[in-house]
Amino acid sequence: MTADQPTIRQVEPQVYGSKLAYVLVEVSASPLVREVPERRSALLDDAVEVAKALGVSNPYREKVRRGP
């Protein structure tokens, strides 16, 4: 797909980042990951990195910092 072709759906970076942070936090709490501390920790670390890139007024930024 080239830059001049329309996409089916365009998403603002803040919205995409919010959703990504939310999913990472939710998955880290799942039973399959909860029992593997290093994987859970990696997911939460990624969520924090995504949250750092979100705008200060973005509600997911603070939620990720506080934890699930």
N, C-alpha and C. Protein backbone atom coordinates (compact mmCIF):
# COMPACT_ATOMS: atom_id res chain seq x y z
N MET A 1 0.85 -1.16 0.00
CA MET A 1 0.00 0.00 0.00
C MET A 1 0.90 1.24 0.00
N THR A 2 0.60 2.18 -0.87
CA THR A 2 1.40 3.41 -0.93
C THR A 2 0.76 4.50 -0.10
N ALA A 3 1.52 5.57 0.12
CA ALA A 3 1.05 6.66 0.97
C ALA A 3 -0.17 7.36 0.40
N ASP A 4 -0.36 7.34 -0.92
CA ASP A 4 -1.50 8.04 -1.51
C ASP A 4 -2.76 7.19 -1.57
N GLN A 5 -2.67 5.93 -1.21
CA GLN A 5 -3.85 5.07 -1.18
C GLN A 5 -4.55 5.20 0.15
N PRO A 6 -5.88 5.33 0.12
CA PRO A 6 -6.60 5.43 1.40
C PRO A 6 -6.58 4.10 2.15
N THR A 7 -6.58 4.18 3.45
CA THR A 7 -6.66 2.97 4.27
C THR A 7 -8.11 2.75 4.67
N ILE A 8 -8.40 1.57 5.09
CA ILE A 8 -9.76 1.26 5.51
C ILE A 8 -10.10 2.07 6.76
N ARG A 9 -9.16 2.12 7.69
CA ARG A 9 -9.42 2.85 8.93
C ARG A 9 -8.11 3.49 9.39
N GLN A 10 -8.18 4.77 9.64
CA GLN A 10 -7.02 5.46 10.18
C GLN A 10 -7.24 5.66 11.67
N VAL A 11 -6.18 5.44 12.44
CA VAL A 11 -6.27 5.55 13.89
C VAL A 11 -5.23 6.55 14.36
N GLU A 12 -5.66 7.43 15.23
CA GLU A 12 -4.74 8.40 15.81
C GLU A 12 -3.73 7.66 16.69
N PRO A 13 -2.47 8.10 16.69
CA PRO A 13 -1.46 7.43 17.51
C PRO A 13 -1.82 7.34 18.99
N GLN A 14 -2.46 8.37 19.55
CA GLN A 14 -2.84 8.33 20.96
C GLN A 14 -3.88 7.25 21.23
N VAL A 15 -4.80 7.08 20.29
CA VAL A 15 -5.83 6.04 20.44
C VAL A 15 -5.20 4.67 20.32
N TYR A 16 -4.34 4.49 19.33
CA TYR A 16 -3.66 3.21 19.15
C TYR A 16 -2.80 2.88 20.38
N GLY A 17 -2.06 3.85 20.85
CA GLY A 17 -1.22 3.64 22.03
C GLY A 17 -2.04 3.29 23.26
N SER A 18 -3.18 3.95 23.42
CA SER A 18 -4.06 3.66 24.55
C SER A 18 -4.55 2.22 24.50
N LYS A 19 -4.98 1.82 23.32
CA LYS A 19 -5.48 0.45 23.16
C LYS A 19 -4.37 -0.57 23.39
N LEU A 20 -3.18 -0.28 22.87
CA LEU A 20 -2.06 -1.19 23.05
C LEU A 20 -1.70 -1.33 24.53
N ALA A 21 -1.62 -0.21 25.24
CA ALA A 21 -1.31 -0.25 26.67
C ALA A 21 -2.37 -1.05 27.42
N TYR A 22 -3.64 -0.82 27.10
CA TYR A 22 -4.74 -1.53 27.75
C TYR A 22 -4.62 -3.04 27.53
N VAL A 23 -4.38 -3.44 26.28
CA VAL A 23 -4.30 -4.87 25.96
C VAL A 23 -3.10 -5.51 26.67
N LEU A 24 -1.97 -4.84 26.68
CA LEU A 24 -0.80 -5.40 27.36
C LEU A 24 -1.06 -5.62 28.85
N VAL A 25 -1.71 -4.66 29.49
CA VAL A 25 -2.02 -4.80 30.92
C VAL A 25 -3.02 -5.94 31.14
N GLU A 26 -4.05 -5.99 30.31
CA GLU A 26 -5.06 -7.04 30.46
C GLU A 26 -4.46 -8.43 30.24
N VAL A 27 -3.64 -8.58 29.21
CA VAL A 27 -3.03 -9.88 28.93
C VAL A 27 -2.10 -10.29 30.06
N SER A 28 -1.42 -9.33 30.66
CA SER A 28 -0.50 -9.67 31.75
C SER A 28 -1.23 -10.25 32.95
N ALA A 29 -2.52 -9.99 33.06
CA ALA A 29 -3.31 -10.51 34.18
C ALA A 29 -3.99 -11.85 33.86
N SER A 30 -3.82 -12.32 32.63
CA SER A 30 -4.48 -13.58 32.25
C SER A 30 -3.83 -14.76 32.98
N PRO A 31 -4.59 -15.80 33.23
CA PRO A 31 -4.06 -16.97 33.95
C PRO A 31 -2.86 -17.62 33.25
N LEU A 32 -2.82 -17.60 31.93
CA LEU A 32 -1.73 -18.23 31.19
C LEU A 32 -0.40 -17.51 31.39
N VAL A 33 -0.47 -16.20 31.59
CA VAL A 33 0.75 -15.41 31.75
C VAL A 33 1.08 -15.17 33.21
N ARG A 34 0.08 -15.09 34.01
CA ARG A 34 0.27 -14.78 35.43
C ARG A 34 1.22 -15.76 36.11
N GLU A 35 1.22 -17.00 35.64
CA GLU A 35 2.05 -18.03 36.26
C GLU A 35 3.48 -18.07 35.73
N VAL A 36 3.80 -17.18 34.79
CA VAL A 36 5.15 -17.10 34.22
C VAL A 36 5.64 -15.67 34.46
N PRO A 37 6.24 -15.44 35.63
CA PRO A 37 6.59 -14.08 36.04
C PRO A 37 7.42 -13.28 35.04
N GLU A 38 8.36 -13.93 34.37
CA GLU A 38 9.19 -13.16 33.44
C GLU A 38 8.40 -12.68 32.22
N ARG A 39 7.44 -13.45 31.76
CA ARG A 39 6.60 -13.01 30.64
C ARG A 39 5.65 -11.91 31.08
N ARG A 40 5.09 -12.07 32.28
CA ARG A 40 4.19 -11.03 32.81
C ARG A 40 4.95 -9.72 32.98
N SER A 41 6.14 -9.82 33.51
CA SER A 41 6.97 -8.64 33.72
C SER A 41 7.30 -7.96 32.38
N ALA A 42 7.60 -8.76 31.37
CA ALA A 42 7.92 -8.20 30.04
C ALA A 42 6.71 -7.47 29.45
N LEU A 43 5.53 -8.05 29.60
CA LEU A 43 4.32 -7.38 29.10
C LEU A 43 4.08 -6.06 29.82
N LEU A 44 4.24 -6.08 31.12
CA LEU A 44 4.04 -4.85 31.89
C LEU A 44 5.10 -3.80 31.58
N ASP A 45 6.33 -4.24 31.37
CA ASP A 45 7.39 -3.30 30.97
C ASP A 45 7.04 -2.64 29.63
N ASP A 46 6.54 -3.45 28.69
CA ASP A 46 6.14 -2.89 27.40
C ASP A 46 4.98 -1.91 27.56
N ALA A 47 4.03 -2.25 28.42
CA ALA A 47 2.89 -1.35 28.66
C ALA A 47 3.36 -0.01 29.22
N VAL A 48 4.33 -0.05 30.11
CA VAL A 48 4.87 1.19 30.69
C VAL A 48 5.56 2.02 29.61
N GLU A 49 6.32 1.37 28.74
CA GLU A 49 7.00 2.10 27.67
C GLU A 49 6.00 2.75 26.72
N VAL A 50 4.93 2.03 26.39
CA VAL A 50 3.88 2.61 25.55
C VAL A 50 3.23 3.79 26.27
N ALA A 51 2.93 3.62 27.54
CA ALA A 51 2.28 4.68 28.32
C ALA A 51 3.14 5.93 28.39
N LYS A 52 4.45 5.77 28.45
CA LYS A 52 5.34 6.93 28.49
C LYS A 52 5.22 7.77 27.23
N ALA A 53 4.88 7.13 26.11
CA ALA A 53 4.75 7.85 24.85
C ALA A 53 3.40 8.54 24.70
N LEU A 54 2.45 8.21 25.56
CA LEU A 54 1.12 8.82 25.49
C LEU A 54 1.17 10.23 26.05
N GLY A 55 0.24 11.05 25.61
CA GLY A 55 0.14 12.41 26.13
C GLY A 55 -0.15 12.40 27.62
N VAL A 56 0.27 13.46 28.30
CA VAL A 56 0.11 13.56 29.76
C VAL A 56 -1.37 13.48 30.16
N SER A 57 -2.25 14.01 29.33
CA SER A 57 -3.68 14.01 29.67
C SER A 57 -4.38 12.70 29.32
N ASN A 58 -3.67 11.76 28.72
CA ASN A 58 -4.28 10.49 28.33
C ASN A 58 -4.54 9.64 29.57
N PRO A 59 -5.78 9.21 29.81
CA PRO A 59 -6.11 8.46 31.03
C PRO A 59 -5.38 7.12 31.15
N TYR A 60 -5.02 6.49 30.04
CA TYR A 60 -4.33 5.20 30.12
C TYR A 60 -2.90 5.35 30.61
N ARG A 61 -2.32 6.52 30.41
CA ARG A 61 -0.96 6.74 30.88
C ARG A 61 -0.89 6.56 32.40
N GLU A 62 -1.81 7.18 33.10
CA GLU A 62 -1.82 7.08 34.57
C GLU A 62 -2.25 5.69 35.02
N LYS A 63 -3.20 5.08 34.30
CA LYS A 63 -3.67 3.75 34.69
C LYS A 63 -2.52 2.73 34.62
N VAL A 64 -1.72 2.82 33.57
CA VAL A 64 -0.61 1.88 33.42
C VAL A 64 0.44 2.12 34.49
N ARG A 65 0.67 3.38 34.82
CA ARG A 65 1.65 3.69 35.86
C ARG A 65 1.23 3.13 37.21
N ARG A 66 -0.07 3.15 37.49
CA ARG A 66 -0.58 2.64 38.78
C ARG A 66 -0.65 1.13 38.78
N GLY A 67 -0.85 0.53 37.62
CA GLY A 67 -0.98 -0.92 37.54
C GLY A 67 -2.43 -1.34 37.49
N PRO A 68 -2.68 -2.58 37.11
CA PRO A 68 -4.06 -3.08 36.96
C PRO A 68 -4.77 -3.22 38.30
